[in-house]
Amino acid sequence: MDTKPLKRSIVASVFTIAVVALVLTSATYAWFTSNGEVYTSRVEAKTNDTDARLYISPTGGADFRKTSEGEITQINSADVESLQPVSTDDLNGFVYNLPPQNGRNDRFLLDKDAKRYYHGHVYIEAEVTGSVNYRAMTLYLDDVASLVSSDDGSLFANAGRIGLRLAGGEPVIVRMSESENSAADREWNTYVNDVLLEDGKVLHYNASTEAVEAADDPSVALASAVVTAADPVSLGTIELNRIYELEIFFWLEGTDPDCTNAIQTDGAGSVISLFGVLEE
């Protein structure tokens, strides 16, 4: 991406999600159930351009607060002390696995109560002062080094996913790590219609038929999801002086062969930085 044009400017904001999980077992199996805690931190915004502002607020509408800091608000009914594997391809329907029969994971239900994954949101607004002529701001992820943090030896991020959805934009799903468990701690044991799910596939909930289907995994690697990538993934473009909701999801992808009970850690999380480019 060309970052040289003078008619573009940069705004960055930072917020964090830290996840802690603990699994107490010795056998290796897929779609494990874990006990864990989800912690959320404050949102911070900053800019390197005196004419640009990116405001963060835990509330929208008339209650929007134009501040450089704000809390991420959890909006689903998940118990923050319980994190369980789910699968999705679009952030709309998350499905979970019932206890396996005959050693196969092939019985799935929609998580109607949204209790097995983290779902939060913040509200953002871009503003420009002075006489500069900008019309919008395109948002990207920034700072790949801090997007994932975990304890030494942690495997938790190997099956972790971060989902971001800007109002009016397409969802972006990012893999927290490209590392893999050891061969003994990986397992392919997800079946859809008696067919073993292959690499590069996840589950999709078809709301029309209420059926669970195999779908292409839309997730991207961290390295290709940041603004410094050759072809960075955009979260969407927002108009100036308009408030937008940004949804934040965190989950363990149950179909990932690394999503076994081998994933255990007392500290893993993510610092999500937003990188804004002003557009004429």
C-alpha atoms as a PDB file:
ATOM      1  CA  MET A   1       0.000   0.000   0.000  1.00  0.00           C
ATOM      2  CA  ASP A   2       1.309   3.467  -0.925  1.00  0.00           C
ATOM      3  CA  THR A   3       1.667   5.505   2.253  1.00  0.00           C
ATOM      4  CA  LYS A   4       3.393   8.497   0.644  1.00  0.00           C
ATOM      5  CA  PRO A   5       0.525  10.677  -0.663  1.00  0.00           C
ATOM      6  CA  LEU A   6       0.200  13.868   1.353  1.00  0.00           C
ATOM      7  CA  LYS A   7      -3.591  13.715   1.169  1.00  0.00           C
ATOM      8  CA  ARG A   8      -3.735  10.773   3.563  1.00  0.00           C
ATOM      9  CA  SER A   9      -3.320  10.794   7.296  1.00  0.00           C
ATOM     10  CA  ILE A  10      -3.057   8.235  10.064  1.00  0.00           C
ATOM     11  CA  VAL A  11      -4.999   7.693  13.261  1.00  0.00           C
ATOM     12  CA  ALA A  12      -4.416   4.829  15.662  1.00  0.00           C
ATOM     13  CA  SER A  13      -6.459   3.490  18.547  1.00  0.00           C
ATOM     14  CA  VAL A  14      -5.699   0.663  20.919  1.00  0.00           C
ATOM     15  CA  PHE A  15      -7.783  -1.613  23.086  1.00  0.00           C
ATOM     16  CA  THR A  16      -7.074  -4.936  24.692  1.00  0.00           C
ATOM     17  CA  ILE A  17      -8.731  -8.262  25.347  1.00  0.00           C
ATOM     18  CA  ALA A  18      -6.988 -10.749  27.596  1.00  0.00           C
ATOM     19  CA  VAL A  19      -8.159 -14.329  27.866  1.00  0.00           C
ATOM     20  CA  VAL A  20      -7.125 -16.871  30.455  1.00  0.00           C
ATOM     21  CA  ALA A  21      -7.977 -20.551  30.129  1.00  0.00           C
ATOM     22  CA  LEU A  22      -7.143 -23.644  32.129  1.00  0.00           C
ATOM     23  CA  VAL A  23      -7.785 -27.241  31.091  1.00  0.00           C
ATOM     24  CA  LEU A  24      -7.432 -30.039  33.607  1.00  0.00           C
ATOM     25  CA  THR A  25      -7.149 -33.320  31.729  1.00  0.00           C
ATOM     26  CA  SER A  26      -4.588 -35.691  30.258  1.00  0.00           C
ATOM     27  CA  ALA A  27      -6.169 -37.240  27.160  1.00  0.00           C
ATOM     28  CA  THR A  28      -6.009 -35.514  23.774  1.00  0.00           C
ATOM     29  CA  TYR A  29      -9.368 -34.849  22.152  1.00  0.00           C
ATOM     30  CA  ALA A  30     -10.947 -32.250  19.922  1.00  0.00           C
ATOM     31  CA  TRP A  31     -13.624 -29.649  20.739  1.00  0.00           C
ATOM     32  CA  PHE A  32     -12.474 -29.629  24.358  1.00  0.00           C
ATOM     33  CA  THR A  33     -14.353 -27.768  27.079  1.00  0.00           C
ATOM     34  CA  SER A  34     -12.317 -25.286  29.054  1.00  0.00           C
ATOM     35  CA  ASN A  35     -12.718 -23.108  32.073  1.00  0.00           C
ATOM     36  CA  GLY A  36     -11.365 -19.631  31.635  1.00  0.00           C
ATOM     37  CA  GLU A  37     -11.773 -15.946  32.206  1.00  0.00           C
ATOM     38  CA  VAL A  38     -12.119 -13.074  29.789  1.00  0.00           C
ATOM     39  CA  TYR A  39     -10.795  -9.682  30.808  1.00  0.00           C
ATOM     40  CA  THR A  40     -11.421  -6.464  28.934  1.00  0.00           C
ATOM     41  CA  SER A  41      -9.432  -3.275  29.193  1.00  0.00           C
ATOM     42  CA  ARG A  42      -9.861   0.346  28.325  1.00  0.00           C
ATOM     43  CA  VAL A  43      -9.781   1.658  24.798  1.00  0.00           C
ATOM     44  CA  GLU A  44      -7.211   4.289  23.923  1.00  0.00           C
ATOM     45  CA  ALA A  45      -7.023   6.471  20.834  1.00  0.00           C
ATOM     46  CA  LYS A  46      -4.187   8.534  19.490  1.00  0.00           C
ATOM     47  CA  THR A  47      -3.122  10.244  16.262  1.00  0.00           C
ATOM     48  CA  ASN A  48       0.056  11.527  14.668  1.00  0.00           C
ATOM     49  CA  ASP A  49      -1.846  14.242  12.806  1.00  0.00           C
ATOM     50  CA  THR A  50      -2.996  17.358  14.626  1.00  0.00           C
ATOM     51  CA  ASP A  51      -5.963  17.676  12.242  1.00  0.00           C
ATOM     52  CA  ALA A  52      -7.319  14.178  12.916  1.00  0.00           C
ATOM     53  CA  ARG A  53      -9.201  12.689  15.856  1.00  0.00           C
ATOM     54  CA  LEU A  54     -10.515   9.194  16.465  1.00  0.00           C
ATOM     55  CA  TYR A  55     -12.901   9.080  19.388  1.00  0.00           C
ATOM     56  CA  ILE A  56     -13.776   5.950  21.360  1.00  0.00           C
ATOM     57  CA  SER A  57     -16.863   5.527  23.531  1.00  0.00           C
ATOM     58  CA  PRO A  58     -18.536   2.600  25.321  1.00  0.00           C
ATOM     59  CA  THR A  59     -21.920   4.047  24.327  1.00  0.00           C
ATOM     60  CA  GLY A  60     -23.345   5.400  21.103  1.00  0.00           C
ATOM     61  CA  GLY A  61     -26.040   7.782  20.022  1.00  0.00           C
ATOM     62  CA  ALA A  62     -26.746  10.749  22.263  1.00  0.00           C
ATOM     63  CA  ASP A  63     -24.600   9.131  24.962  1.00  0.00           C
ATOM     64  CA  PHE A  64     -21.465   9.048  22.804  1.00  0.00           C
ATOM     65  CA  ARG A  65     -18.527  10.555  24.671  1.00  0.00           C
ATOM     66  CA  LYS A  66     -15.750  12.185  22.662  1.00  0.00           C
ATOM     67  CA  THR A  67     -12.814  10.888  24.654  1.00  0.00           C
ATOM     68  CA  SER A  68      -9.519   9.203  23.854  1.00  0.00           C
ATOM     69  CA  GLU A  69     -10.309   6.331  26.234  1.00  0.00           C
ATOM     70  CA  GLY A  70     -13.296   4.076  26.728  1.00  0.00           C
ATOM     71  CA  GLU A  71     -14.296   0.656  28.008  1.00  0.00           C
ATOM     72  CA  ILE A  72     -15.106  -2.308  25.812  1.00  0.00           C
ATOM     73  CA  THR A  73     -18.633  -3.323  26.749  1.00  0.00           C
ATOM     74  CA  GLN A  74     -19.524  -7.013  26.734  1.00  0.00           C
ATOM     75  CA  ILE A  75     -22.927  -7.452  25.123  1.00  0.00           C
ATOM     76  CA  ASN A  76     -23.518 -11.205  25.059  1.00  0.00           C
ATOM     77  CA  SER A  77     -24.557 -13.460  27.927  1.00  0.00           C
ATOM     78  CA  ALA A  78     -21.338 -15.453  28.131  1.00  0.00           C
ATOM     79  CA  ASP A  79     -20.068 -16.342  31.570  1.00  0.00           C
ATOM     80  CA  VAL A  80     -16.644 -14.718  31.682  1.00  0.00           C
ATOM     81  CA  GLU A  81     -15.369 -17.698  33.671  1.00  0.00           C
ATOM     82  CA  SER A  82     -16.269 -20.209  30.957  1.00  0.00           C
ATOM     83  CA  LEU A  83     -14.939 -20.328  27.414  1.00  0.00           C
ATOM     84  CA  GLN A  84     -15.956 -23.170  25.099  1.00  0.00           C
ATOM     85  CA  PRO A  85     -15.085 -23.928  21.457  1.00  0.00           C
ATOM     86  CA  VAL A  86     -17.487 -22.810  18.755  1.00  0.00           C
ATOM     87  CA  SER A  87     -17.315 -22.404  14.991  1.00  0.00           C
ATOM     88  CA  THR A  88     -18.481 -19.722  12.566  1.00  0.00           C
ATOM     89  CA  ASP A  89     -17.670 -18.363   9.132  1.00  0.00           C
ATOM     90  CA  ASP A  90     -19.570 -15.070   9.338  1.00  0.00           C
ATOM     91  CA  LEU A  91     -19.886 -13.973  13.016  1.00  0.00           C
ATOM     92  CA  ASN A  92     -23.662 -14.412  12.706  1.00  0.00           C
ATOM     93  CA  GLY A  93     -24.204 -17.988  13.821  1.00  0.00           C
ATOM     94  CA  PHE A  94     -21.855 -19.687  16.284  1.00  0.00           C
ATOM     95  CA  VAL A  95     -22.345 -23.426  16.650  1.00  0.00           C
ATOM     96  CA  TYR A  96     -21.041 -25.754  19.319  1.00  0.00           C
ATOM     97  CA  ASN A  97     -20.525 -29.495  19.538  1.00  0.00           C
ATOM     98  CA  LEU A  98     -22.469 -31.893  21.733  1.00  0.00           C
ATOM     99  CA  PRO A  99     -20.483 -34.650  23.487  1.00  0.00           C
ATOM    100  CA  PRO A 100     -19.193 -36.997  20.763  1.00  0.00           C
ATOM    101  CA  GLN A 101     -20.806 -40.339  20.043  1.00  0.00           C
ATOM    102  CA  ASN A 102     -18.773 -43.248  18.704  1.00  0.00           C
ATOM    103  CA  GLY A 103     -15.690 -41.066  18.953  1.00  0.00           C
ATOM    104  CA  ARG A 104     -16.902 -38.555  16.335  1.00  0.00           C
ATOM    105  CA  ASN A 105     -17.720 -34.875  16.684  1.00  0.00           C
ATOM    106  CA  ASP A 106     -20.755 -34.604  14.431  1.00  0.00           C
ATOM    107  CA  ARG A 107     -23.614 -33.223  16.518  1.00  0.00           C
ATOM    108  CA  PHE A 108     -23.872 -29.447  16.443  1.00  0.00           C
ATOM    109  CA  LEU A 109     -26.277 -26.861  17.782  1.00  0.00           C
ATOM    110  CA  LEU A 110     -26.587 -23.118  17.379  1.00  0.00           C
ATOM    111  CA  ASP A 111     -25.381 -21.238  20.442  1.00  0.00           C
ATOM    112  CA  LYS A 112     -28.652 -19.336  20.743  1.00  0.00           C
ATOM    113  CA  ASP A 113     -27.774 -17.924  24.146  1.00  0.00           C
ATOM    114  CA  ALA A 114     -24.308 -16.742  23.016  1.00  0.00           C
ATOM    115  CA  LYS A 115     -22.686 -18.189  26.132  1.00  0.00           C
ATOM    116  CA  ARG A 116     -19.609 -19.852  24.692  1.00  0.00           C
ATOM    117  CA  TYR A 117     -17.656 -16.990  23.150  1.00  0.00           C
ATOM    118  CA  TYR A 118     -16.842 -13.370  23.908  1.00  0.00           C
ATOM    119  CA  HIS A 119     -18.776 -10.596  22.167  1.00  0.00           C
ATOM    120  CA  GLY A 120     -18.235  -6.950  22.981  1.00  0.00           C
ATOM    121  CA  HIS A 121     -18.338  -3.583  21.277  1.00  0.00           C
ATOM    122  CA  VAL A 122     -17.197   0.005  21.262  1.00  0.00           C
ATOM    123  CA  TYR A 123     -18.341   3.039  19.303  1.00  0.00           C
ATOM    124  CA  ILE A 124     -16.017   5.130  17.195  1.00  0.00           C
ATOM    125  CA  GLU A 125     -16.137   8.449  15.409  1.00  0.00           C
ATOM    126  CA  ALA A 126     -13.563  10.111  13.143  1.00  0.00           C
ATOM    127  CA  GLU A 127     -13.271  13.861  13.042  1.00  0.00           C
ATOM    128  CA  VAL A 128     -11.036  16.329  11.224  1.00  0.00           C
ATOM    129  CA  THR A 129     -10.402  19.907  12.258  1.00  0.00           C
ATOM    130  CA  GLY A 130      -8.876  22.769  10.331  1.00  0.00           C
ATOM    131  CA  SER A 131      -9.211  23.513   6.650  1.00  0.00           C
ATOM    132  CA  VAL A 132      -8.113  20.128   5.301  1.00  0.00           C
ATOM    133  CA  ASN A 133     -10.528  18.462   2.906  1.00  0.00           C
ATOM    134  CA  TYR A 134     -11.197  14.837   3.845  1.00  0.00           C
ATOM    135  CA  ARG A 135     -14.379  12.851   3.397  1.00  0.00           C
ATOM    136  CA  ALA A 136     -13.814   9.539   5.162  1.00  0.00           C
ATOM    137  CA  MET A 137     -11.430   7.284   7.046  1.00  0.00           C
ATOM    138  CA  THR A 138     -10.521   3.686   6.193  1.00  0.00           C
ATOM    139  CA  LEU A 139      -9.688   1.471   9.152  1.00  0.00           C
ATOM    140  CA  TYR A 140      -7.076  -1.276   9.308  1.00  0.00           C
ATOM    141  CA  LEU A 141      -5.399  -3.324  11.994  1.00  0.00           C
ATOM    142  CA  ASP A 142      -2.010  -2.116  13.157  1.00  0.00           C
ATOM    143  CA  ASP A 143       0.936  -3.388  15.228  1.00  0.00           C
ATOM    144  CA  VAL A 144       1.148  -7.117  14.568  1.00  0.00           C
ATOM    145  CA  ALA A 145       3.666  -7.564  17.393  1.00  0.00           C
ATOM    146  CA  SER A 146       1.113  -6.747  20.102  1.00  0.00           C
ATOM    147  CA  LEU A 147      -1.971  -8.339  18.582  1.00  0.00           C
ATOM    148  CA  VAL A 148      -1.328 -11.579  20.452  1.00  0.00           C
ATOM    149  CA  SER A 149       0.376 -12.025  23.798  1.00  0.00           C
ATOM    150  CA  SER A 150       0.629 -15.167  25.892  1.00  0.00           C
ATOM    151  CA  ASP A 151       2.759 -16.899  28.449  1.00  0.00           C
ATOM    152  CA  ASP A 152       5.893 -18.683  27.300  1.00  0.00           C
ATOM    153  CA  GLY A 153       5.010 -22.093  25.913  1.00  0.00           C
ATOM    154  CA  SER A 154       1.329 -21.237  25.544  1.00  0.00           C
ATOM    155  CA  LEU A 155      -0.584 -23.045  22.812  1.00  0.00           C
ATOM    156  CA  PHE A 156      -3.819 -21.200  23.452  1.00  0.00           C
ATOM    157  CA  ALA A 157      -3.520 -18.838  20.471  1.00  0.00           C
ATOM    158  CA  ASN A 158      -3.056 -21.730  18.032  1.00  0.00           C
ATOM    159  CA  ALA A 159      -6.821 -22.174  17.822  1.00  0.00           C
ATOM    160  CA  GLY A 160      -7.782 -18.639  18.850  1.00  0.00           C
ATOM    161  CA  ARG A 161      -9.727 -16.315  16.575  1.00  0.00           C
ATOM    162  CA  ILE A 162     -10.446 -12.586  16.701  1.00  0.00           C
ATOM    163  CA  GLY A 163     -13.473 -11.257  14.840  1.00  0.00           C
ATOM    164  CA  LEU A 164     -14.101  -7.601  14.054  1.00  0.00           C
ATOM    165  CA  ARG A 165     -17.203  -6.195  12.414  1.00  0.00           C
ATOM    166  CA  LEU A 166     -17.650  -2.523  11.690  1.00  0.00           C
ATOM    167  CA  ALA A 167     -21.238  -1.416  11.157  1.00  0.00           C
ATOM    168  CA  GLY A 168     -21.884  -1.476   7.435  1.00  0.00           C
ATOM    169  CA  GLY A 169     -18.694  -3.434   6.720  1.00  0.00           C
ATOM    170  CA  GLU A 170     -17.733  -7.021   6.083  1.00  0.00           C
ATOM    171  CA  PRO A 171     -16.574  -9.122   9.045  1.00  0.00           C
ATOM    172  CA  VAL A 172     -12.855  -9.721   9.402  1.00  0.00           C
ATOM    173  CA  ILE A 173     -11.698 -12.896  11.158  1.00  0.00           C
ATOM    174  CA  VAL A 174      -8.052 -13.164  12.154  1.00  0.00           C
ATOM    175  CA  ARG A 175      -6.122 -16.224  13.288  1.00  0.00           C
ATOM    176  CA  MET A 176      -4.227 -15.423  16.474  1.00  0.00           C
ATOM    177  CA  SER A 177      -1.295 -17.640  15.540  1.00  0.00           C
ATOM    178  CA  GLU A 178       0.147 -19.584  12.620  1.00  0.00           C
ATOM    179  CA  SER A 179       1.922 -21.949  15.006  1.00  0.00           C
ATOM    180  CA  GLU A 180       0.708 -25.506  15.467  1.00  0.00           C
ATOM    181  CA  ASN A 181       0.565 -27.963  18.322  1.00  0.00           C
ATOM    182  CA  SER A 182       2.830 -30.974  18.152  1.00  0.00           C
ATOM    183  CA  ALA A 183       1.532 -33.782  15.944  1.00  0.00           C
ATOM    184  CA  ALA A 184       0.403 -35.739  19.002  1.00  0.00           C
ATOM    185  CA  ASP A 185      -1.680 -32.784  20.170  1.00  0.00           C
ATOM    186  CA  ARG A 186      -3.563 -32.149  16.933  1.00  0.00           C
ATOM    187  CA  GLU A 187      -6.745 -33.909  15.872  1.00  0.00           C
ATOM    188  CA  TRP A 188      -9.109 -33.918  12.883  1.00  0.00           C
ATOM    189  CA  ASN A 189     -12.396 -35.259  14.190  1.00  0.00           C
ATOM    190  CA  THR A 190     -15.188 -33.021  12.928  1.00  0.00           C
ATOM    191  CA  TYR A 191     -17.777 -34.588  10.624  1.00  0.00           C
ATOM    192  CA  VAL A 192     -20.557 -32.936   8.635  1.00  0.00           C
ATOM    193  CA  ASN A 193     -23.034 -35.269   6.943  1.00  0.00           C
ATOM    194  CA  ASP A 194     -20.654 -38.181   7.593  1.00  0.00           C
ATOM    195  CA  VAL A 195     -17.805 -36.403   5.807  1.00  0.00           C
ATOM    196  CA  LEU A 196     -14.612 -35.559   7.681  1.00  0.00           C
ATOM    197  CA  LEU A 197     -14.035 -31.809   7.698  1.00  0.00           C
ATOM    198  CA  GLU A 198     -10.841 -30.940   5.867  1.00  0.00           C
ATOM    199  CA  ASP A 199      -8.236 -28.292   6.565  1.00  0.00           C
ATOM    200  CA  GLY A 200      -9.423 -24.848   5.551  1.00  0.00           C
ATOM    201  CA  LYS A 201     -13.022 -25.578   6.484  1.00  0.00           C
ATOM    202  CA  VAL A 202     -15.207 -24.366   9.355  1.00  0.00           C
ATOM    203  CA  LEU A 203     -18.902 -24.597  10.167  1.00  0.00           C
ATOM    204  CA  HIS A 204     -21.700 -22.385   8.864  1.00  0.00           C
ATOM    205  CA  TYR A 205     -25.175 -22.134  10.359  1.00  0.00           C
ATOM    206  CA  ASN A 206     -27.843 -21.903   7.682  1.00  0.00           C
ATOM    207  CA  ALA A 207     -30.637 -19.922   9.314  1.00  0.00           C
ATOM    208  CA  SER A 208     -33.114 -20.800   6.556  1.00  0.00           C
ATOM    209  CA  THR A 209     -32.781 -24.561   6.974  1.00  0.00           C
ATOM    210  CA  GLU A 210     -31.475 -24.513  10.579  1.00  0.00           C
ATOM    211  CA  ALA A 211     -28.736 -26.851   9.382  1.00  0.00           C
ATOM    212  CA  VAL A 212     -24.995 -26.830  10.026  1.00  0.00           C
ATOM    213  CA  GLU A 213     -22.890 -26.937   6.880  1.00  0.00           C
ATOM    214  CA  ALA A 214     -19.227 -27.058   5.956  1.00  0.00           C
ATOM    215  CA  ALA A 215     -17.866 -23.729   4.746  1.00  0.00           C
ATOM    216  CA  ASP A 216     -14.563 -22.250   3.626  1.00  0.00           C
ATOM    217  CA  ASP A 217     -12.558 -20.768   6.488  1.00  0.00           C
ATOM    218  CA  PRO A 218     -12.510 -16.985   5.874  1.00  0.00           C
ATOM    219  CA  SER A 219      -9.860 -16.268   8.512  1.00  0.00           C
ATOM    220  CA  VAL A 220      -6.628 -14.536   7.583  1.00  0.00           C
ATOM    221  CA  ALA A 221      -3.190 -14.575   9.147  1.00  0.00           C
ATOM    222  CA  LEU A 222      -2.170 -11.721  11.419  1.00  0.00           C
ATOM    223  CA  ALA A 223       0.646 -10.725   9.103  1.00  0.00           C
ATOM    224  CA  SER A 224      -1.754 -10.140   6.216  1.00  0.00           C
ATOM    225  CA  ALA A 225      -4.332  -8.348   8.329  1.00  0.00           C
ATOM    226  CA  VAL A 226      -2.278  -5.295   9.264  1.00  0.00           C
ATOM    227  CA  VAL A 227      -1.841  -2.051   7.364  1.00  0.00           C
ATOM    228  CA  THR A 228       1.834  -2.735   6.621  1.00  0.00           C
ATOM    229  CA  ALA A 229       0.954  -5.861   4.602  1.00  0.00           C
ATOM    230  CA  ALA A 230       1.329  -5.748   0.828  1.00  0.00           C
ATOM    231  CA  ASP A 231      -2.445  -5.950   0.421  1.00  0.00           C
ATOM    232  CA  PRO A 232      -3.893  -5.160   3.861  1.00  0.00           C
ATOM    233  CA  VAL A 233      -7.364  -6.225   4.901  1.00  0.00           C
ATOM    234  CA  SER A 234      -9.626  -3.253   5.548  1.00  0.00           C
ATOM    235  CA  LEU A 235     -12.187  -3.248   8.337  1.00  0.00           C
ATOM    236  CA  GLY A 236     -14.234  -0.778   6.340  1.00  0.00           C
ATOM    237  CA  THR A 237     -14.510   2.916   5.607  1.00  0.00           C
ATOM    238  CA  ILE A 238     -16.365   5.327   7.857  1.00  0.00           C
ATOM    239  CA  GLU A 239     -17.706   8.755   7.099  1.00  0.00           C
ATOM    240  CA  LEU A 240     -16.392  11.630   9.169  1.00  0.00           C
ATOM    241  CA  ASN A 241     -18.514  12.972  12.027  1.00  0.00           C
ATOM    242  CA  ARG A 242     -20.673   9.855  12.135  1.00  0.00           C
ATOM    243  CA  ILE A 243     -20.783   7.313  14.976  1.00  0.00           C
ATOM    244  CA  TYR A 244     -20.184   3.646  14.148  1.00  0.00           C
ATOM    245  CA  GLU A 245     -20.390   0.503  16.230  1.00  0.00           C
ATOM    246  CA  LEU A 246     -17.376  -1.813  16.157  1.00  0.00           C
ATOM    247  CA  GLU A 247     -18.125  -5.354  17.343  1.00  0.00           C
ATOM    248  CA  ILE A 248     -15.342  -7.479  18.824  1.00  0.00           C
ATOM    249  CA  PHE A 249     -15.470 -11.274  19.043  1.00  0.00           C
ATOM    250  CA  PHE A 250     -13.065 -13.741  20.594  1.00  0.00           C
ATOM    251  CA  TRP A 251     -13.401 -17.523  20.452  1.00  0.00           C
ATOM    252  CA  LEU A 252     -11.670 -20.855  20.142  1.00  0.00           C
ATOM    253  CA  GLU A 253     -12.319 -22.337  16.696  1.00  0.00           C
ATOM    254  CA  GLY A 254     -13.548 -25.846  17.424  1.00  0.00           C
ATOM    255  CA  THR A 255     -12.816 -27.191  13.952  1.00  0.00           C
ATOM    256  CA  ASP A 256      -9.157 -26.184  14.171  1.00  0.00           C
ATOM    257  CA  PRO A 257      -7.018 -29.339  14.620  1.00  0.00           C
ATOM    258  CA  ASP A 258      -5.153 -27.413  17.325  1.00  0.00           C
ATOM    259  CA  CYS A 259      -8.346 -27.019  19.353  1.00  0.00           C
ATOM    260  CA  THR A 260      -7.647 -29.954  21.640  1.00  0.00           C
ATOM    261  CA  ASN A 261      -7.206 -30.151  25.376  1.00  0.00           C
ATOM    262  CA  ALA A 262      -3.477 -29.606  24.800  1.00  0.00           C
ATOM    263  CA  ILE A 263      -4.272 -25.893  24.667  1.00  0.00           C
ATOM    264  CA  GLN A 264      -3.842 -24.760  28.228  1.00  0.00           C
ATOM    265  CA  THR A 265      -2.435 -21.533  29.577  1.00  0.00           C
ATOM    266  CA  ASP A 266      -2.722 -19.138  32.467  1.00  0.00           C
ATOM    267  CA  GLY A 267      -2.380 -16.099  30.256  1.00  0.00           C
ATOM    268  CA  ALA A 268      -3.249 -15.226  26.656  1.00  0.00           C
ATOM    269  CA  GLY A 269      -4.733 -12.159  25.107  1.00  0.00           C
ATOM    270  CA  SER A 270      -4.751  -9.570  22.396  1.00  0.00           C
ATOM    271  CA  VAL A 271      -4.037  -5.890  22.034  1.00  0.00           C
ATOM    272  CA  ILE A 272      -5.999  -4.631  19.051  1.00  0.00           C
ATOM    273  CA  SER A 273      -4.779  -1.432  17.427  1.00  0.00           C
ATOM    274  CA  LEU A 274      -6.817   0.399  14.829  1.00  0.00           C
ATOM    275  CA  PHE A 275      -4.978   2.230  12.070  1.00  0.00           C
ATOM    276  CA  GLY A 276      -6.986   4.891  10.257  1.00  0.00           C
ATOM    277  CA  VAL A 277      -6.177   6.401   6.869  1.00  0.00           C
ATOM    278  CA  LEU A 278      -7.973   9.621   5.972  1.00  0.00           C
ATOM    279  CA  GLU A 279      -9.308   9.740   2.438  1.00  0.00           C
ATOM    280  CA  GLU A 280     -10.250  12.730   0.311  1.00  0.00           C
END
